[in-house]
C-alpha atoms as a PDB file:
ATOM      1  CA  MET A   1      11.402  62.102  14.128  1.00  0.00           C
ATOM      2  CA  SER A   2      11.844  61.910  17.892  1.00  0.00           C
ATOM      3  CA  GLN A   3      13.500  59.782  20.525  1.00  0.00           C
ATOM      4  CA  GLY A   4      11.407  56.738  21.341  1.00  0.00           C
ATOM      5  CA  SER A   5      10.637  56.290  25.034  1.00  0.00           C
ATOM      6  CA  TYR A   6       9.848  52.569  24.917  1.00  0.00           C
ATOM      7  CA  LYS A   7      11.372  49.173  24.476  1.00  0.00           C
ATOM      8  CA  ILE A   8       8.952  47.105  22.407  1.00  0.00           C
ATOM      9  CA  TRP A   9       9.007  43.359  22.997  1.00  0.00           C
ATOM     10  CA  PRO A  10       6.705  40.368  22.373  1.00  0.00           C
ATOM     11  CA  ALA A  11       4.968  39.097  25.482  1.00  0.00           C
ATOM     12  CA  THR A  12       2.800  36.202  26.592  1.00  0.00           C
ATOM     13  CA  ALA A  13      -0.901  36.436  27.391  1.00  0.00           C
ATOM     14  CA  ALA A  14       0.099  37.144  30.990  1.00  0.00           C
ATOM     15  CA  GLY A  15       2.139  40.154  29.870  1.00  0.00           C
ATOM     16  CA  GLU A  16       5.526  38.507  30.526  1.00  0.00           C
ATOM     17  CA  PRO A  17       8.235  39.373  27.963  1.00  0.00           C
ATOM     18  CA  LEU A  18       9.431  36.437  25.859  1.00  0.00           C
ATOM     19  CA  GLY A  19      13.188  36.382  26.395  1.00  0.00           C
ATOM     20  CA  ASN A  20      15.126  39.233  27.953  1.00  0.00           C
ATOM     21  CA  PRO A  21      14.585  42.686  26.428  1.00  0.00           C
ATOM     22  CA  THR A  22      17.280  44.197  28.689  1.00  0.00           C
ATOM     23  CA  PRO A  23      20.063  41.635  29.213  1.00  0.00           C
ATOM     24  CA  PRO A  24      22.757  42.326  31.828  1.00  0.00           C
ATOM     25  CA  THR A  25      25.944  44.065  30.739  1.00  0.00           C
ATOM     26  CA  GLY A  26      28.252  41.719  28.887  1.00  0.00           C
ATOM     27  CA  GLN A  27      25.518  39.389  27.649  1.00  0.00           C
ATOM     28  CA  PRO A  28      24.488  39.448  23.961  1.00  0.00           C
ATOM     29  CA  VAL A  29      21.432  41.525  23.060  1.00  0.00           C
ATOM     30  CA  GLU A  30      18.554  39.333  21.901  1.00  0.00           C
ATOM     31  CA  SER A  31      16.325  40.154  18.949  1.00  0.00           C
ATOM     32  CA  PRO A  32      12.556  40.142  19.534  1.00  0.00           C
ATOM     33  CA  ASN A  33      10.659  37.312  17.864  1.00  0.00           C
ATOM     34  CA  PRO A  34       7.026  38.386  17.286  1.00  0.00           C
ATOM     35  CA  MET A  35       6.471  35.207  15.225  1.00  0.00           C
ATOM     36  CA  ASP A  36       6.706  33.070  18.367  1.00  0.00           C
ATOM     37  CA  GLU A  37       3.319  31.349  18.879  1.00  0.00           C
ATOM     38  CA  LYS A  38       3.459  32.308  22.549  1.00  0.00           C
ATOM     39  CA  ALA A  39       3.637  35.995  21.585  1.00  0.00           C
ATOM     40  CA  THR A  40       0.083  37.243  22.026  1.00  0.00           C
ATOM     41  CA  ASP A  41       0.689  40.559  23.784  1.00  0.00           C
ATOM     42  CA  ILE A  42       3.135  43.459  23.455  1.00  0.00           C
ATOM     43  CA  TYR A  43       5.440  44.589  26.236  1.00  0.00           C
ATOM     44  CA  PHE A  44       5.843  48.368  26.375  1.00  0.00           C
ATOM     45  CA  GLY A  45       8.920  48.929  28.542  1.00  0.00           C
ATOM     46  CA  VAL A  46       9.747  52.541  29.392  1.00  0.00           C
ATOM     47  CA  VAL A  47      13.422  53.305  28.737  1.00  0.00           C
ATOM     48  CA  ASN A  48      15.120  54.931  31.739  1.00  0.00           C
ATOM     49  CA  THR A  49      17.820  56.652  29.698  1.00  0.00           C
ATOM     50  CA  VAL A  50      15.419  59.047  27.945  1.00  0.00           C
ATOM     51  CA  PRO A  51      13.507  62.006  29.455  1.00  0.00           C
ATOM     52  CA  GLN A  52      10.403  61.055  31.435  1.00  0.00           C
ATOM     53  CA  PRO A  53       7.460  60.970  31.250  1.00  0.00           C
ATOM     54  CA  PRO A  54       7.059  59.862  27.598  1.00  0.00           C
ATOM     55  CA  PRO A  55       5.705  62.522  25.212  1.00  0.00           C
ATOM     56  CA  LYS A  56       1.936  62.805  24.923  1.00  0.00           C
ATOM     57  CA  ASP A  57       1.859  61.599  21.312  1.00  0.00           C
ATOM     58  CA  GLN A  58       3.733  58.435  22.265  1.00  0.00           C
ATOM     59  CA  LEU A  59       1.474  57.752  25.239  1.00  0.00           C
ATOM     60  CA  GLU A  60      -1.606  58.137  23.037  1.00  0.00           C
ATOM     61  CA  LEU A  61      -0.111  55.869  20.376  1.00  0.00           C
ATOM     62  CA  GLN A  62       0.594  53.189  22.984  1.00  0.00           C
ATOM     63  CA  GLN A  63      -3.018  53.336  24.175  1.00  0.00           C
ATOM     64  CA  ASP A  64      -4.353  53.172  20.619  1.00  0.00           C
ATOM     65  CA  ILE A  65      -2.190  50.170  19.760  1.00  0.00           C
ATOM     66  CA  GLU A  66      -3.269  48.383  22.946  1.00  0.00           C
ATOM     67  CA  LYS A  67      -6.923  49.032  22.079  1.00  0.00           C
ATOM     68  CA  VAL A  68      -6.585  47.527  18.597  1.00  0.00           C
ATOM     69  CA  LEU A  69      -4.535  44.614  19.957  1.00  0.00           C
ATOM     70  CA  ARG A  70      -7.195  43.926  22.585  1.00  0.00           C
ATOM     71  CA  THR A  71      -9.816  43.735  19.828  1.00  0.00           C
ATOM     72  CA  VAL A  72      -7.641  41.366  17.793  1.00  0.00           C
ATOM     73  CA  GLN A  73      -7.148  39.156  20.867  1.00  0.00           C
ATOM     74  CA  LEU A  74     -10.888  38.985  21.555  1.00  0.00           C
ATOM     75  CA  ILE A  75     -11.811  38.234  17.941  1.00  0.00           C
ATOM     76  CA  TYR A  76      -9.122  35.716  17.025  1.00  0.00           C
ATOM     77  CA  GLY A  77      -8.245  34.340  20.442  1.00  0.00           C
ATOM     78  CA  HIS A  78     -11.186  31.941  20.147  1.00  0.00           C
ATOM     79  CA  PRO A  79     -12.401  29.978  17.103  1.00  0.00           C
ATOM     80  CA  VAL A  80     -15.701  31.920  16.935  1.00  0.00           C
ATOM     81  CA  ALA A  81     -14.394  33.957  13.978  1.00  0.00           C
ATOM     82  CA  GLY A  82     -14.044  30.845  11.814  1.00  0.00           C
ATOM     83  CA  SER A  83     -11.732  27.844  11.759  1.00  0.00           C
ATOM     84  CA  VAL A  84      -8.923  27.527  14.263  1.00  0.00           C
ATOM     85  CA  GLU A  85      -6.315  27.810  11.525  1.00  0.00           C
ATOM     86  CA  ARG A  86      -7.900  30.962  10.128  1.00  0.00           C
ATOM     87  CA  CYS A  87      -7.978  32.525  13.584  1.00  0.00           C
ATOM     88  CA  LYS A  88      -4.309  31.738  14.149  1.00  0.00           C
ATOM     89  CA  SER A  89      -3.335  33.098  10.739  1.00  0.00           C
ATOM     90  CA  GLN A  90      -5.361  36.288  11.096  1.00  0.00           C
ATOM     91  CA  PHE A  91      -4.154  36.888  14.635  1.00  0.00           C
ATOM     92  CA  ARG A  92      -0.483  36.533  13.705  1.00  0.00           C
ATOM     93  CA  SER A  93      -0.925  38.794  10.691  1.00  0.00           C
ATOM     94  CA  TYR A  94      -2.498  41.603  12.716  1.00  0.00           C
ATOM     95  CA  TYR A  95      -0.138  41.037  15.634  1.00  0.00           C
ATOM     96  CA  MET A  96       2.917  41.443  13.401  1.00  0.00           C
ATOM     97  CA  ARG A  97       1.553  44.671  11.919  1.00  0.00           C
ATOM     98  CA  LEU A  98       0.798  46.119  15.348  1.00  0.00           C
ATOM     99  CA  PHE A  99       4.183  45.037  16.705  1.00  0.00           C
ATOM    100  CA  ARG A 100       6.036  46.730  13.854  1.00  0.00           C
ATOM    101  CA  LEU A 101       3.932  49.873  14.211  1.00  0.00           C
ATOM    102  CA  ALA A 102       4.770  49.978  17.915  1.00  0.00           C
ATOM    103  CA  GLN A 103       8.467  49.724  17.070  1.00  0.00           C
ATOM    104  CA  LEU A 104       8.164  52.412  14.412  1.00  0.00           C
ATOM    105  CA  GLY A 105       6.383  54.920  16.588  1.00  0.00           C
ATOM    106  CA  LEU A 106       7.737  54.255  20.066  1.00  0.00           C
ATOM    107  CA  GLU A 107      11.200  52.740  19.892  1.00  0.00           C
ATOM    108  CA  GLY A 108      14.657  53.953  18.947  1.00  0.00           C
ATOM    109  CA  PRO A 109      16.249  57.326  18.170  1.00  0.00           C
ATOM    110  CA  ASP A 110      14.127  57.887  15.065  1.00  0.00           C
ATOM    111  CA  ALA A 111      10.635  57.071  16.355  1.00  0.00           C
ATOM    112  CA  SER A 112       7.770  58.349  14.173  1.00  0.00           C
ATOM    113  CA  PRO A 113       4.534  58.441  16.230  1.00  0.00           C
ATOM    114  CA  GLU A 114       2.593  60.342  13.568  1.00  0.00           C
ATOM    115  CA  ILE A 115       3.444  57.907  10.783  1.00  0.00           C
ATOM    116  CA  SER A 116       2.662  54.971  13.060  1.00  0.00           C
ATOM    117  CA  LYS A 117      -0.658  56.483  14.117  1.00  0.00           C
ATOM    118  CA  SER A 118      -1.692  57.013  10.505  1.00  0.00           C
ATOM    119  CA  ALA A 119      -0.805  53.422   9.635  1.00  0.00           C
ATOM    120  CA  LEU A 120      -2.671  52.203  12.724  1.00  0.00           C
ATOM    121  CA  ALA A 121      -5.867  53.808  11.403  1.00  0.00           C
ATOM    122  CA  THR A 122      -5.466  51.682   8.261  1.00  0.00           C
ATOM    123  CA  VAL A 123      -5.021  48.536  10.365  1.00  0.00           C
ATOM    124  CA  SER A 124      -8.201  49.354  12.306  1.00  0.00           C
ATOM    125  CA  ALA A 125     -10.124  49.934   9.073  1.00  0.00           C
ATOM    126  CA  ASN A 126      -8.874  46.617   7.661  1.00  0.00           C
ATOM    127  CA  LEU A 127      -9.956  44.805  10.822  1.00  0.00           C
ATOM    128  CA  ILE A 128     -13.429  46.322  10.603  1.00  0.00           C
ATOM    129  CA  ASP A 129     -13.698  45.395   6.909  1.00  0.00           C
ATOM    130  CA  ASP A 130     -12.641  41.809   7.660  1.00  0.00           C
ATOM    131  CA  GLU A 131     -14.967  41.181  10.595  1.00  0.00           C
ATOM    132  CA  ALA A 132     -17.907  43.634  10.562  1.00  0.00           C
ATOM    133  CA  SER A 133     -20.091  41.517   8.276  1.00  0.00           C
ATOM    134  CA  ARG A 134     -19.541  38.342  10.324  1.00  0.00           C
ATOM    135  CA  VAL A 135     -20.187  40.121  13.620  1.00  0.00           C
ATOM    136  CA  LYS A 136     -23.327  41.914  12.441  1.00  0.00           C
ATOM    137  CA  ASN A 137     -24.912  38.942  10.697  1.00  0.00           C
ATOM    138  CA  GLY A 138     -23.987  36.614  13.531  1.00  0.00           C
ATOM    139  CA  HIS A 139     -25.608  38.882  16.111  1.00  0.00           C
ATOM    140  CA  LEU A 140     -28.716  39.315  13.936  1.00  0.00           C
ATOM    141  CA  VAL A 141     -29.044  35.532  13.728  1.00  0.00           C
ATOM    142  CA  ARG A 142     -28.679  35.112  17.504  1.00  0.00           C
ATOM    143  CA  LEU A 143     -31.015  37.990  18.296  1.00  0.00           C
ATOM    144  CA  GLY A 144     -33.561  36.826  15.727  1.00  0.00           C
ATOM    145  CA  GLY A 145     -33.487  33.252  16.994  1.00  0.00           C
ATOM    146  CA  THR A 146     -34.016  34.418  20.571  1.00  0.00           C
ATOM    147  CA  ALA A 147     -36.855  36.709  19.446  1.00  0.00           C
ATOM    148  CA  ILE A 148     -38.620  33.816  17.703  1.00  0.00           C
ATOM    149  CA  VAL A 149     -38.345  31.569  20.755  1.00  0.00           C
ATOM    150  CA  LEU A 150     -39.686  34.286  23.056  1.00  0.00           C
ATOM    151  CA  ALA A 151     -42.439  35.298  20.638  1.00  0.00           C
ATOM    152  CA  LEU A 152     -43.927  31.814  20.259  1.00  0.00           C
ATOM    153  CA  PRO A 153     -45.708  31.734  23.675  1.00  0.00           C
ATOM    154  CA  PHE A 154     -47.159  35.216  23.048  1.00  0.00           C
ATOM    155  CA  ILE A 155     -48.390  34.182  19.591  1.00  0.00           C
ATOM    156  CA  LEU A 156     -49.960  31.053  21.093  1.00  0.00           C
ATOM    157  CA  LEU A 157     -51.683  33.099  23.809  1.00  0.00           C
ATOM    158  CA  TYR A 158     -52.955  35.533  21.170  1.00  0.00           C
ATOM    159  CA  LEU A 159     -54.464  32.710  19.107  1.00  0.00           C
ATOM    160  CA  VAL A 160     -56.043  31.133  22.177  1.00  0.00           C
ATOM    161  CA  MET A 161     -57.590  34.459  23.216  1.00  0.00           C
ATOM    162  CA  ARG A 162     -58.923  35.135  19.712  1.00  0.00           C
ATOM    163  CA  ILE A 163     -60.585  31.735  19.268  1.00  0.00           C
ATOM    164  CA  THR A 164     -61.969  31.603  22.814  1.00  0.00           C
ATOM    165  CA  PRO A 165     -65.730  32.362  22.808  1.00  0.00           C
ATOM    166  CA  PRO A 166     -66.740  35.528  24.699  1.00  0.00           C
ATOM    167  CA  ASN A 167     -68.663  33.558  27.352  1.00  0.00           C
ATOM    168  CA  ASP A 168     -66.077  30.800  27.731  1.00  0.00           C
ATOM    169  CA  GLY A 169     -64.747  29.922  31.166  1.00  0.00           C
ATOM    170  CA  LEU A 170     -61.305  31.332  30.325  1.00  0.00           C
ATOM    171  CA  ALA A 171     -62.794  34.639  29.176  1.00  0.00           C
ATOM    172  CA  ASN A 172     -64.891  34.838  32.333  1.00  0.00           C
ATOM    173  CA  LEU A 173     -61.818  34.063  34.450  1.00  0.00           C
ATOM    174  CA  LEU A 174     -59.964  36.969  32.870  1.00  0.00           C
ATOM    175  CA  LEU A 175     -62.962  39.235  33.435  1.00  0.00           C
ATOM    176  CA  SER A 176     -62.947  38.308  37.088  1.00  0.00           C
ATOM    177  CA  PHE A 177     -59.491  39.895  37.214  1.00  0.00           C
ATOM    178  CA  GLY A 178     -60.690  42.944  35.292  1.00  0.00           C
ATOM    179  CA  ILE A 179     -58.990  41.893  32.041  1.00  0.00           C
ATOM    180  CA  GLU A 180     -60.907  41.802  28.771  1.00  0.00           C
ATOM    181  CA  ARG A 181     -60.101  38.946  26.440  1.00  0.00           C
ATOM    182  CA  VAL A 182     -59.551  41.063  23.293  1.00  0.00           C
ATOM    183  CA  ILE A 183     -57.374  43.608  25.097  1.00  0.00           C
ATOM    184  CA  PHE A 184     -55.280  40.807  26.581  1.00  0.00           C
ATOM    185  CA  ALA A 185     -54.839  39.288  23.110  1.00  0.00           C
ATOM    186  CA  ASN A 186     -53.704  42.610  21.643  1.00  0.00           C
ATOM    187  CA  PHE A 187     -51.136  43.039  24.399  1.00  0.00           C
ATOM    188  CA  MET A 188     -49.667  39.724  23.260  1.00  0.00           C
ATOM    189  CA  LEU A 189     -49.255  41.219  19.780  1.00  0.00           C
ATOM    190  CA  LEU A 190     -47.633  44.259  21.395  1.00  0.00           C
ATOM    191  CA  TRP A 191     -44.911  41.974  22.765  1.00  0.00           C
ATOM    192  CA  VAL A 192     -44.459  40.164  19.443  1.00  0.00           C
ATOM    193  CA  GLY A 193     -44.175  43.461  17.560  1.00  0.00           C
ATOM    194  CA  CYS A 194     -41.623  44.708  20.084  1.00  0.00           C
ATOM    195  CA  PHE A 195     -39.436  41.634  19.619  1.00  0.00           C
ATOM    196  CA  ILE A 196     -39.420  42.166  15.851  1.00  0.00           C
ATOM    197  CA  GLY A 197     -38.696  45.868  16.346  1.00  0.00           C
ATOM    198  CA  VAL A 198     -35.682  45.169  18.576  1.00  0.00           C
ATOM    199  CA  TRP A 199     -34.285  42.863  15.886  1.00  0.00           C
ATOM    200  CA  LEU A 200     -34.787  45.558  13.261  1.00  0.00           C
ATOM    201  CA  SER A 201     -33.293  48.180  15.583  1.00  0.00           C
ATOM    202  CA  TYR A 202     -29.893  46.503  15.677  1.00  0.00           C
ATOM    203  CA  GLY A 203     -29.759  46.185  11.906  1.00  0.00           C
ATOM    204  CA  ILE A 204     -30.718  49.844  11.449  1.00  0.00           C
ATOM    205  CA  ARG A 205     -28.385  51.449  13.973  1.00  0.00           C
ATOM    206  CA  THR A 206     -25.210  49.502  13.120  1.00  0.00           C
ATOM    207  CA  SER A 207     -24.848  50.577   9.499  1.00  0.00           C
ATOM    208  CA  VAL A 208     -21.430  52.092  10.298  1.00  0.00           C
ATOM    209  CA  PHE A 209     -19.137  49.914  12.432  1.00  0.00           C
ATOM    210  CA  THR A 210     -16.482  51.074  14.855  1.00  0.00           C
ATOM    211  CA  LEU A 211     -13.717  49.038  16.434  1.00  0.00           C
ATOM    212  CA  THR A 212     -15.757  48.705  19.636  1.00  0.00           C
ATOM    213  CA  ASP A 213     -18.741  47.292  17.709  1.00  0.00           C
ATOM    214  CA  LEU A 214     -16.673  44.249  16.773  1.00  0.00           C
ATOM    215  CA  THR A 215     -16.546  43.044  20.378  1.00  0.00           C
ATOM    216  CA  VAL A 216     -19.456  44.873  22.042  1.00  0.00           C
ATOM    217  CA  THR A 217     -22.696  44.514  20.102  1.00  0.00           C
ATOM    218  CA  ASP A 218     -24.538  47.069  22.252  1.00  0.00           C
ATOM    219  CA  SER A 219     -23.253  49.779  24.557  1.00  0.00           C
ATOM    220  CA  ASP A 220     -25.495  48.649  27.434  1.00  0.00           C
ATOM    221  CA  ARG A 221     -24.010  45.119  27.335  1.00  0.00           C
ATOM    222  CA  LEU A 222     -27.390  43.368  27.599  1.00  0.00           C
ATOM    223  CA  LEU A 223     -27.664  39.767  26.453  1.00  0.00           C
ATOM    224  CA  PRO A 224     -30.180  39.165  23.612  1.00  0.00           C
ATOM    225  CA  VAL A 225     -32.801  37.508  25.849  1.00  0.00           C
ATOM    226  CA  ILE A 226     -32.482  40.204  28.529  1.00  0.00           C
ATOM    227  CA  ARG A 227     -32.644  42.958  25.884  1.00  0.00           C
ATOM    228  CA  LEU A 228     -35.829  41.549  24.377  1.00  0.00           C
ATOM    229  CA  LEU A 229     -37.581  41.051  27.711  1.00  0.00           C
ATOM    230  CA  PHE A 230     -36.430  44.472  28.951  1.00  0.00           C
ATOM    231  CA  ALA A 231     -37.711  46.243  25.840  1.00  0.00           C
ATOM    232  CA  GLY A 232     -40.930  44.197  25.917  1.00  0.00           C
ATOM    233  CA  SER A 233     -41.629  45.129  29.538  1.00  0.00           C
ATOM    234  CA  LEU A 234     -41.126  48.831  28.848  1.00  0.00           C
ATOM    235  CA  THR A 235     -43.347  48.559  25.775  1.00  0.00           C
ATOM    236  CA  MET A 236     -46.087  46.933  27.853  1.00  0.00           C
ATOM    237  CA  ILE A 237     -45.875  49.787  30.386  1.00  0.00           C
ATOM    238  CA  LEU A 238     -46.218  52.294  27.563  1.00  0.00           C
ATOM    239  CA  GLY A 239     -49.117  50.279  26.187  1.00  0.00           C
ATOM    240  CA  ILE A 240     -50.934  50.544  29.522  1.00  0.00           C
ATOM    241  CA  MET A 241     -50.303  54.300  29.489  1.00  0.00           C
ATOM    242  CA  PHE A 242     -51.736  54.549  25.964  1.00  0.00           C
ATOM    243  CA  MET A 243     -54.799  52.474  26.872  1.00  0.00           C
ATOM    244  CA  LEU A 244     -55.539  54.548  29.971  1.00  0.00           C
ATOM    245  CA  GLY A 245     -55.014  57.818  28.127  1.00  0.00           C
ATOM    246  CA  VAL A 246     -52.074  58.822  30.318  1.00  0.00           C
ATOM    247  CA  VAL A 247     -50.125  59.454  27.096  1.00  0.00           C
ATOM    248  CA  GLN A 248     -51.971  60.825  24.069  1.00  0.00           C
ATOM    249  CA  ILE A 249     -50.288  60.132  20.699  1.00  0.00           C
ATOM    250  CA  SER A 250     -51.812  59.746  17.244  1.00  0.00           C
ATOM    251  CA  LEU A 251     -50.545  57.994  14.117  1.00  0.00           C
ATOM    252  CA  GLY A 252     -52.366  59.595  11.205  1.00  0.00           C
ATOM    253  CA  ASN A 253     -56.076  59.185  11.931  1.00  0.00           C
ATOM    254  CA  HIS A 254     -55.513  56.588  14.641  1.00  0.00           C
ATOM    255  CA  SER A 255     -55.036  57.256  18.321  1.00  0.00           C
ATOM    256  CA  LEU A 256     -52.629  54.833  19.975  1.00  0.00           C
ATOM    257  CA  THR A 257     -55.319  54.258  22.574  1.00  0.00           C
ATOM    258  CA  ASP A 258     -57.119  52.201  19.915  1.00  0.00           C
ATOM    259  CA  PHE A 259     -54.402  49.548  19.847  1.00  0.00           C
ATOM    260  CA  SER A 260     -56.260  47.657  22.563  1.00  0.00           C
ATOM    261  CA  THR A 261     -59.040  46.851  20.088  1.00  0.00           C
ATOM    262  CA  SER A 262     -57.044  46.803  16.816  1.00  0.00           C
ATOM    263  CA  PRO A 263     -54.634  43.871  16.333  1.00  0.00           C
ATOM    264  CA  MET A 264     -52.777  45.528  13.462  1.00  0.00           C
ATOM    265  CA  LEU A 265     -52.316  48.746  15.403  1.00  0.00           C
ATOM    266  CA  ALA A 266     -51.120  46.789  18.444  1.00  0.00           C
ATOM    267  CA  PHE A 267     -48.516  45.006  16.341  1.00  0.00           C
ATOM    268  CA  LEU A 268     -47.423  48.302  14.745  1.00  0.00           C
ATOM    269  CA  VAL A 269     -47.098  50.095  18.082  1.00  0.00           C
ATOM    270  CA  GLY A 270     -45.041  47.211  19.477  1.00  0.00           C
ATOM    271  CA  THR A 271     -42.771  47.223  16.431  1.00  0.00           C
ATOM    272  CA  LEU A 272     -42.193  50.984  16.607  1.00  0.00           C
ATOM    273  CA  CYS A 273     -41.398  50.744  20.311  1.00  0.00           C
ATOM    274  CA  GLY A 274     -38.945  47.936  19.622  1.00  0.00           C
ATOM    275  CA  ILE A 275     -37.202  49.943  16.915  1.00  0.00           C
ATOM    276  CA  SER A 276     -36.938  52.817  19.407  1.00  0.00           C
ATOM    277  CA  GLU A 277     -35.688  50.490  22.175  1.00  0.00           C
ATOM    278  CA  LEU A 278     -32.803  52.753  23.114  1.00  0.00           C
ATOM    279  CA  LEU A 279     -35.238  55.591  23.839  1.00  0.00           C
ATOM    280  CA  LEU A 280     -37.686  53.473  25.838  1.00  0.00           C
ATOM    281  CA  PRO A 281     -35.870  53.682  29.220  1.00  0.00           C
ATOM    282  CA  THR A 282     -35.641  57.479  28.953  1.00  0.00           C
ATOM    283  CA  THR A 283     -39.273  57.829  27.846  1.00  0.00           C
ATOM    284  CA  VAL A 284     -40.749  55.592  30.534  1.00  0.00           C
ATOM    285  CA  GLY A 285     -38.378  56.984  33.163  1.00  0.00           C
ATOM    286  CA  LYS A 286     -39.432  60.556  32.374  1.00  0.00           C
ATOM    287  CA  ARG A 287     -43.111  59.653  32.665  1.00  0.00           C
ATOM    288  CA  ALA A 288     -42.454  57.959  35.996  1.00  0.00           C
ATOM    289  CA  SER A 289     -40.520  60.996  37.254  1.00  0.00           C
ATOM    290  CA  ASP A 290     -43.324  63.323  36.180  1.00  0.00           C
ATOM    291  CA  PHE A 291     -45.816  61.135  38.043  1.00  0.00           C
ATOM    292  CA  ILE A 292     -43.751  61.153  41.240  1.00  0.00           C
ATOM    293  CA  ASN A 293     -43.140  64.904  41.030  1.00  0.00           C
ATOM    294  CA  GLN A 294     -46.869  65.579  40.697  1.00  0.00           C
ATOM    295  CA  GLY A 295     -47.478  63.689  43.917  1.00  0.00           C
ATOM    296  CA  LYS A 296     -45.094  65.852  45.925  1.00  0.00           C
END
């Protein structure tokens, strides 16, 4: 047990305390009311009558509580986590638990930061259990829907290129730009495979959720459409490197250079690049750096 360095009080979304946590001398002391619907934040007031600054364990506990509370606000502050009534109920339930933990660990002569911190870990785990499935499946649906929309033009171009006769005007037009019809078609499959790979990548790498994953689906903060186009562009650059022999890689008995003439290999290469989307910027960036350094 230790002396708490804080005055814990319910606050509005703007951070303003509800009521008066420190009334003037002679006025009755109010009791905090965390059940007030306006109470959406927690006021951490530093008590002047105790030694300053607050102990390290209390400072860390305050930061941890604020982090969990911020996640609760983002999840249940809007009706995206279900019905409005469910959001209100879940928010108030988690808010009350966090408020009481803040009082337990940071307020009064018998504050218990260690006990509060241990209980806070349970609250975080409960929040992840309640929301991880909804967040993951919801993001997979959004990412998959975006991937389908973006893939349709590439699939259409692939079909057009495959059914176009070799001596057709369109094929000759492409040749006038130095682009072979079959190679162009396989690059379309490279994009399609990449889109599918990016979708698979999210499902693979988020098997274990953290508190941050509930509100930030990816650490680079890219929107689904930007992520897909970004990964597709990098995959196309790698595909050009493979075709030109700048990068030599083999899969079993197949050289990746052959993807330009093998539709199945093109789709597979695109899918593998999409699954490895987080490594693509580093890989392409390193190749570009090597190229620039050789020219010096």
